[in-house]
Amino acid sequence: MPLGPAAALECVAARYRGEALRIRDDDDGLVQEVRWLTPAGNVLQIEMTGPGCRFLEVEGVGQSEARILPGQTR
């Protein structure tokens, strides 16, 4: 089941501090590719799909520092 761009951005924002630089559909439309700028200035490459917020892959420096853990506020 595809995950729309708005839902993908909402999912990433709930997990990582920062802001979106770019979002695009993969060729088949089932995977969203998000480039995410962290507060430290690092760029994360995130691939995700639906239903829900299924993160397939996250690459980039600064993931741990940008991560919002359960119970933390943004």
PDB file of N, CA and C in Angstrom:
ATOM      1  N   MET A   1       0.855  -1.179   0.000  1.00  0.00           N
ATOM      2  CA  MET A   1       0.000   0.000   0.000  1.00  0.00           C
ATOM      3  C   MET A   1       0.900   1.240   0.000  1.00  0.00           C
ATOM      4  N   PRO A   2       0.695   2.171  -0.913  1.00  0.00           N
ATOM      5  CA  PRO A   2       1.529   3.365  -0.985  1.00  0.00           C
ATOM      6  C   PRO A   2       1.346   4.279   0.224  1.00  0.00           C
ATOM      7  N   LEU A   3       2.386   5.007   0.527  1.00  0.00           N
ATOM      8  CA  LEU A   3       2.366   6.015   1.580  1.00  0.00           C
ATOM      9  C   LEU A   3       2.501   7.360   0.876  1.00  0.00           C
ATOM     10  N   GLY A   4       1.545   8.237   1.046  1.00  0.00           N
ATOM     11  CA  GLY A   4       1.569   9.535   0.374  1.00  0.00           C
ATOM     12  C   GLY A   4       2.655  10.447   0.926  1.00  0.00           C
ATOM     13  N   PRO A   5       3.030  11.476   0.165  1.00  0.00           N
ATOM     14  CA  PRO A   5       4.089  12.393   0.590  1.00  0.00           C
ATOM     15  C   PRO A   5       3.805  13.088   1.924  1.00  0.00           C
ATOM     16  N   ALA A   6       2.588  13.542   2.140  1.00  0.00           N
ATOM     17  CA  ALA A   6       2.258  14.234   3.391  1.00  0.00           C
ATOM     18  C   ALA A   6       2.398  13.290   4.584  1.00  0.00           C
ATOM     19  N   ALA A   7       1.920  12.065   4.428  1.00  0.00           N
ATOM     20  CA  ALA A   7       2.027  11.085   5.512  1.00  0.00           C
ATOM     21  C   ALA A   7       3.480  10.713   5.766  1.00  0.00           C
ATOM     22  N   ALA A   8       4.274  10.593   4.699  1.00  0.00           N
ATOM     23  CA  ALA A   8       5.695  10.271   4.858  1.00  0.00           C
ATOM     24  C   ALA A   8       6.413  11.363   5.639  1.00  0.00           C
ATOM     25  N   LEU A   9       6.152  12.609   5.308  1.00  0.00           N
ATOM     26  CA  LEU A   9       6.789  13.720   6.028  1.00  0.00           C
ATOM     27  C   LEU A   9       6.370  13.751   7.491  1.00  0.00           C
ATOM     28  N   GLU A  10       5.118  13.452   7.743  1.00  0.00           N
ATOM     29  CA  GLU A  10       4.623  13.407   9.124  1.00  0.00           C
ATOM     30  C   GLU A  10       5.335  12.315   9.924  1.00  0.00           C
ATOM     31  N   CYS A  11       5.538  11.174   9.294  1.00  0.00           N
ATOM     32  CA  CYS A  11       6.229  10.057   9.955  1.00  0.00           C
ATOM     33  C   CYS A  11       7.679  10.407  10.274  1.00  0.00           C
ATOM     34  N   VAL A  12       8.373  11.005   9.309  1.00  0.00           N
ATOM     35  CA  VAL A  12       9.776  11.364   9.526  1.00  0.00           C
ATOM     36  C   VAL A  12       9.879  12.431  10.611  1.00  0.00           C
ATOM     37  N   ALA A  13       8.994  13.414  10.590  1.00  0.00           N
ATOM     38  CA  ALA A  13       9.022  14.492  11.588  1.00  0.00           C
ATOM     39  C   ALA A  13       8.744  13.965  12.988  1.00  0.00           C
ATOM     40  N   ALA A  14       8.009  12.878  13.093  1.00  0.00           N
ATOM     41  CA  ALA A  14       7.732  12.282  14.404  1.00  0.00           C
ATOM     42  C   ALA A  14       8.938  11.506  14.934  1.00  0.00           C
ATOM     43  N   ARG A  15       9.868  11.131  14.048  1.00  0.00           N
ATOM     44  CA  ARG A  15      11.012  10.318  14.451  1.00  0.00           C
ATOM     45  C   ARG A  15      12.331  11.094  14.502  1.00  0.00           C
ATOM     46  N   TYR A  16      12.470  12.127  13.662  1.00  0.00           N
ATOM     47  CA  TYR A  16      13.729  12.878  13.581  1.00  0.00           C
ATOM     48  C   TYR A  16      13.481  14.380  13.662  1.00  0.00           C
ATOM     49  N   ARG A  17      14.347  15.076  14.376  1.00  0.00           N
ATOM     50  CA  ARG A  17      14.316  16.538  14.415  1.00  0.00           C
ATOM     51  C   ARG A  17      14.905  17.054  13.102  1.00  0.00           C
ATOM     52  N   GLY A  18      14.365  18.139  12.602  1.00  0.00           N
ATOM     53  CA  GLY A  18      14.892  18.743  11.393  1.00  0.00           C
ATOM     54  C   GLY A  18      13.784  19.119  10.433  1.00  0.00           C
ATOM     55  N   GLU A  19      14.141  19.149   9.139  1.00  0.00           N
ATOM     56  CA  GLU A  19      13.178  19.564   8.127  1.00  0.00           C
ATOM     57  C   GLU A  19      13.473  18.858   6.806  1.00  0.00           C
ATOM     58  N   ALA A  20      12.441  18.750   6.001  1.00  0.00           N
ATOM     59  CA  ALA A  20      12.567  18.072   4.707  1.00  0.00           C
ATOM     60  C   ALA A  20      13.277  18.970   3.702  1.00  0.00           C
ATOM     61  N   LEU A  21      14.182  18.374   2.957  1.00  0.00           N
ATOM     62  CA  LEU A  21      14.814  19.053   1.837  1.00  0.00           C
ATOM     63  C   LEU A  21      14.143  18.653   0.528  1.00  0.00           C
ATOM     64  N   ARG A  22      13.761  17.372   0.438  1.00  0.00           N
ATOM     65  CA  ARG A  22      13.142  16.864  -0.778  1.00  0.00           C
ATOM     66  C   ARG A  22      12.401  15.579  -0.455  1.00  0.00           C
ATOM     67  N   ILE A  23      11.324  15.359  -1.179  1.00  0.00           N
ATOM     68  CA  ILE A  23      10.605  14.090  -1.083  1.00  0.00           C
ATOM     69  C   ILE A  23      10.191  13.702  -2.494  1.00  0.00           C
ATOM     70  N   ARG A  24      10.301  12.413  -2.787  1.00  0.00           N
ATOM     71  CA  ARG A  24       9.867  11.937  -4.099  1.00  0.00           C
ATOM     72  C   ARG A  24       9.474  10.482  -4.006  1.00  0.00           C
ATOM     73  N   ASP A  25       8.601  10.083  -4.933  1.00  0.00           N
ATOM     74  CA  ASP A  25       8.185   8.689  -5.043  1.00  0.00           C
ATOM     75  C   ASP A  25       9.258   7.891  -5.752  1.00  0.00           C
ATOM     76  N   ASP A  26       9.421   6.664  -5.336  1.00  0.00           N
ATOM     77  CA  ASP A  26      10.255   5.723  -6.070  1.00  0.00           C
ATOM     78  C   ASP A  26       9.536   5.413  -7.392  1.00  0.00           C
ATOM     79  N   ASP A  27      10.197   4.733  -8.276  1.00  0.00           N
ATOM     80  CA  ASP A  27       9.647   4.458  -9.604  1.00  0.00           C
ATOM     81  C   ASP A  27       8.279   3.790  -9.573  1.00  0.00           C
ATOM     82  N   ASP A  28       8.066   2.866  -8.657  1.00  0.00           N
ATOM     83  CA  ASP A  28       6.788   2.155  -8.615  1.00  0.00           C
ATOM     84  C   ASP A  28       5.734   2.848  -7.748  1.00  0.00           C
ATOM     85  N   GLY A  29       6.104   3.936  -7.092  1.00  0.00           N
ATOM     86  CA  GLY A  29       5.159   4.685  -6.275  1.00  0.00           C
ATOM     87  C   GLY A  29       4.895   4.108  -4.907  1.00  0.00           C
ATOM     88  N   LEU A  30       5.565   3.017  -4.553  1.00  0.00           N
ATOM     89  CA  LEU A  30       5.333   2.381  -3.262  1.00  0.00           C
ATOM     90  C   LEU A  30       6.284   2.861  -2.177  1.00  0.00           C
ATOM     91  N   VAL A  31       7.403   3.470  -2.570  1.00  0.00           N
ATOM     92  CA  VAL A  31       8.418   3.899  -1.618  1.00  0.00           C
ATOM     93  C   VAL A  31       8.613   5.407  -1.742  1.00  0.00           C
ATOM     94  N   GLN A  32       8.616   6.084  -0.604  1.00  0.00           N
ATOM     95  CA  GLN A  32       8.920   7.511  -0.560  1.00  0.00           C
ATOM     96  C   GLN A  32      10.384   7.673  -0.193  1.00  0.00           C
ATOM     97  N   GLU A  33      11.083   8.516  -0.914  1.00  0.00           N
ATOM     98  CA  GLU A  33      12.480   8.831  -0.618  1.00  0.00           C
ATOM     99  C   GLU A  33      12.532  10.259  -0.094  1.00  0.00           C
ATOM    100  N   VAL A  34      13.031  10.417   1.123  1.00  0.00           N
ATOM    101  CA  VAL A  34      13.059  11.721   1.787  1.00  0.00           C
ATOM    102  C   VAL A  34      14.502  12.106   2.098  1.00  0.00           C
ATOM    103  N   ARG A  35      14.880  13.310   1.733  1.00  0.00           N
ATOM    104  CA  ARG A  35      16.160  13.883   2.176  1.00  0.00           C
ATOM    105  C   ARG A  35      15.810  14.818   3.325  1.00  0.00           C
ATOM    106  N   TRP A  36      16.440  14.607   4.491  1.00  0.00           N
ATOM    107  CA  TRP A  36      16.067  15.277   5.738  1.00  0.00           C
ATOM    108  C   TRP A  36      17.279  16.002   6.301  1.00  0.00           C
ATOM    109  N   LEU A  37      17.148  17.290   6.557  1.00  0.00           N
ATOM    110  CA  LEU A  37      18.213  18.103   7.138  1.00  0.00           C
ATOM    111  C   LEU A  37      18.053  18.120   8.648  1.00  0.00           C
ATOM    112  N   THR A  38      19.068  17.639   9.370  1.00  0.00           N
ATOM    113  CA  THR A  38      19.022  17.610  10.828  1.00  0.00           C
ATOM    114  C   THR A  38      19.437  18.977  11.387  1.00  0.00           C
ATOM    115  N   PRO A  39      19.140  19.263  12.654  1.00  0.00           N
ATOM    116  CA  PRO A  39      19.550  20.529  13.250  1.00  0.00           C
ATOM    117  C   PRO A  39      21.070  20.748  13.229  1.00  0.00           C
ATOM    118  N   ALA A  40      21.854  19.674  13.189  1.00  0.00           N
ATOM    119  CA  ALA A  40      23.316  19.786  13.155  1.00  0.00           C
ATOM    120  C   ALA A  40      23.840  20.044  11.741  1.00  0.00           C
ATOM    121  N   GLY A  41      22.942  20.084  10.752  1.00  0.00           N
ATOM    122  CA  GLY A  41      23.346  20.338   9.381  1.00  0.00           C
ATOM    123  C   GLY A  41      23.670  19.097   8.581  1.00  0.00           C
ATOM    124  N   ASN A  42      23.399  17.924   9.135  1.00  0.00           N
ATOM    125  CA  ASN A  42      23.614  16.675   8.409  1.00  0.00           C
ATOM    126  C   ASN A  42      22.388  16.350   7.559  1.00  0.00           C
ATOM    127  N   VAL A  43      22.595  15.579   6.512  1.00  0.00           N
ATOM    128  CA  VAL A  43      21.493  15.184   5.640  1.00  0.00           C
ATOM    129  C   VAL A  43      21.301  13.675   5.741  1.00  0.00           C
ATOM    130  N   LEU A  44      20.075  13.278   6.046  1.00  0.00           N
ATOM    131  CA  LEU A  44      19.714  11.870   6.105  1.00  0.00           C
ATOM    132  C   LEU A  44      18.953  11.498   4.838  1.00  0.00           C
ATOM    133  N   GLN A  45      19.237  10.323   4.316  1.00  0.00           N
ATOM    134  CA  GLN A  45      18.503   9.753   3.180  1.00  0.00           C
ATOM    135  C   GLN A  45      17.581   8.689   3.765  1.00  0.00           C
ATOM    136  N   ILE A  46      16.290   8.879   3.633  1.00  0.00           N
ATOM    137  CA  ILE A  46      15.324   7.985   4.268  1.00  0.00           C
ATOM    138  C   ILE A  46      14.410   7.390   3.204  1.00  0.00           C
ATOM    139  N   GLU A  47      14.246   6.074   3.246  1.00  0.00           N
ATOM    140  CA  GLU A  47      13.291   5.388   2.382  1.00  0.00           C
ATOM    141  C   GLU A  47      12.238   4.751   3.275  1.00  0.00           C
ATOM    142  N   MET A  48      10.970   4.943   2.894  1.00  0.00           N
ATOM    143  CA  MET A  48       9.885   4.413   3.698  1.00  0.00           C
ATOM    144  C   MET A  48       8.709   4.021   2.813  1.00  0.00           C
ATOM    145  N   THR A  49       7.819   3.216   3.397  1.00  0.00           N
ATOM    146  CA  THR A  49       6.647   2.746   2.674  1.00  0.00           C
ATOM    147  C   THR A  49       5.476   2.606   3.644  1.00  0.00           C
ATOM    148  N   GLY A  50       4.328   2.277   3.124  1.00  0.00           N
ATOM    149  CA  GLY A  50       3.137   2.075   3.933  1.00  0.00           C
ATOM    150  C   GLY A  50       2.771   0.604   3.940  1.00  0.00           C
ATOM    151  N   PRO A  51       1.737   0.186   4.603  1.00  0.00           N
ATOM    152  CA  PRO A  51       0.906   1.056   5.420  1.00  0.00           C
ATOM    153  C   PRO A  51       1.608   1.457   6.717  1.00  0.00           C
ATOM    154  N   GLY A  52       1.166   2.523   7.260  1.00  0.00           N
ATOM    155  CA  GLY A  52       1.814   3.045   8.465  1.00  0.00           C
ATOM    156  C   GLY A  52       3.144   3.679   8.119  1.00  0.00           C
ATOM    157  N   CYS A  53       4.020   3.736   9.051  1.00  0.00           N
ATOM    158  CA  CYS A  53       5.342   4.357   8.877  1.00  0.00           C
ATOM    159  C   CYS A  53       6.407   3.273   8.928  1.00  0.00           C
ATOM    160  N   ARG A  54       6.614   2.612   7.824  1.00  0.00           N
ATOM    161  CA  ARG A  54       7.643   1.567   7.781  1.00  0.00           C
ATOM    162  C   ARG A  54       8.911   2.144   7.168  1.00  0.00           C
ATOM    163  N   PHE A  55       9.918   2.333   8.007  1.00  0.00           N
ATOM    164  CA  PHE A  55      11.206   2.836   7.546  1.00  0.00           C
ATOM    165  C   PHE A  55      11.987   1.670   6.962  1.00  0.00           C
ATOM    166  N   LEU A  56      12.346   1.765   5.701  1.00  0.00           N
ATOM    167  CA  LEU A  56      13.083   0.696   5.032  1.00  0.00           C
ATOM    168  C   LEU A  56      14.578   0.878   5.189  1.00  0.00           C
ATOM    169  N   GLU A  57      15.029   2.137   5.101  1.00  0.00           N
ATOM    170  CA  GLU A  57      16.459   2.417   5.181  1.00  0.00           C
ATOM    171  C   GLU A  57      16.665   3.877   5.581  1.00  0.00           C
ATOM    172  N   VAL A  58      17.633   4.099   6.457  1.00  0.00           N
ATOM    173  CA  VAL A  58      18.036   5.445   6.838  1.00  0.00           C
ATOM    174  C   VAL A  58      19.557   5.494   6.754  1.00  0.00           C
ATOM    175  N   GLU A  59      20.067   6.406   5.932  1.00  0.00           N
ATOM    176  CA  GLU A  59      21.508   6.559   5.776  1.00  0.00           C
ATOM    177  C   GLU A  59      21.886   7.994   6.100  1.00  0.00           C
ATOM    178  N   GLY A  60      23.088   8.160   6.626  1.00  0.00           N
ATOM    179  CA  GLY A  60      23.594   9.498   6.882  1.00  0.00           C
ATOM    180  C   GLY A  60      24.145   9.639   8.285  1.00  0.00           C
ATOM    181  N   VAL A  61      25.001  10.615   8.436  1.00  0.00           N
ATOM    182  CA  VAL A  61      25.640  10.923   9.715  1.00  0.00           C
ATOM    183  C   VAL A  61      24.666  11.737  10.561  1.00  0.00           C
ATOM    184  N   GLY A  62      24.649  11.485  11.860  1.00  0.00           N
ATOM    185  CA  GLY A  62      23.846  12.283  12.786  1.00  0.00           C
ATOM    186  C   GLY A  62      22.466  11.734  13.064  1.00  0.00           C
ATOM    187  N   GLN A  63      22.226  10.491  12.695  1.00  0.00           N
ATOM    188  CA  GLN A  63      20.912   9.890  12.954  1.00  0.00           C
ATOM    189  C   GLN A  63      20.580   9.855  14.441  1.00  0.00           C
ATOM    190  N   SER A  64      21.534   9.409  15.236  1.00  0.00           N
ATOM    191  CA  SER A  64      21.295   9.254  16.677  1.00  0.00           C
ATOM    192  C   SER A  64      20.999  10.582  17.346  1.00  0.00           C
ATOM    193  N   GLU A  65      21.742  11.612  16.970  1.00  0.00           N
ATOM    194  CA  GLU A  65      21.559  12.937  17.580  1.00  0.00           C
ATOM    195  C   GLU A  65      20.212  13.551  17.192  1.00  0.00           C
ATOM    196  N   ALA A  66      19.731  13.263  15.994  1.00  0.00           N
ATOM    197  CA  ALA A  66      18.478  13.847  15.521  1.00  0.00           C
ATOM    198  C   ALA A  66      17.254  13.031  15.939  1.00  0.00           C
ATOM    199  N   ARG A  67      17.458  11.833  16.418  1.00  0.00           N
ATOM    200  CA  ARG A  67      16.357  10.916  16.731  1.00  0.00           C
ATOM    201  C   ARG A  67      15.532  11.420  17.894  1.00  0.00           C
ATOM    202  N   ILE A  68      14.235  11.352  17.722  1.00  0.00           N
ATOM    203  CA  ILE A  68      13.282  11.665  18.791  1.00  0.00           C
ATOM    204  C   ILE A  68      12.861  10.331  19.395  1.00  0.00           C
ATOM    205  N   LEU A  69      13.250  10.095  20.624  1.00  0.00           N
ATOM    206  CA  LEU A  69      12.924   8.830  21.282  1.00  0.00           C
ATOM    207  C   LEU A  69      11.517   8.862  21.841  1.00  0.00           C
ATOM    208  N   PRO A  70      10.892   7.693  22.003  1.00  0.00           N
ATOM    209  CA  PRO A  70       9.542   7.658  22.578  1.00  0.00           C
ATOM    210  C   PRO A  70       9.506   8.404  23.917  1.00  0.00           C
ATOM    211  N   GLY A  71       8.505   9.247  24.071  1.00  0.00           N
ATOM    212  CA  GLY A  71       8.355  10.018  25.294  1.00  0.00           C
ATOM    213  C   GLY A  71       9.035  11.382  25.261  1.00  0.00           C
ATOM    214  N   GLN A  72       9.897  11.615  24.272  1.00  0.00           N
ATOM    215  CA  GLN A  72      10.552  12.925  24.129  1.00  0.00           C
ATOM    216  C   GLN A  72       9.682  13.841  23.287  1.00  0.00           C
ATOM    217  N   THR A  73       9.886  15.131  23.477  1.00  0.00           N
ATOM    218  CA  THR A  73       9.204  16.105  22.643  1.00  0.00           C
ATOM    219  C   THR A  73      10.116  16.525  21.507  1.00  0.00           C
ATOM    220  N   ARG A  74       9.524  17.061  20.490  1.00  0.00           N
ATOM    221  CA  ARG A  74      10.293  17.476  19.314  1.00  0.00           C
ATOM    222  C   ARG A  74      11.137  18.650  19.676  1.00  0.00           C
TER     223      ARG A  74
END
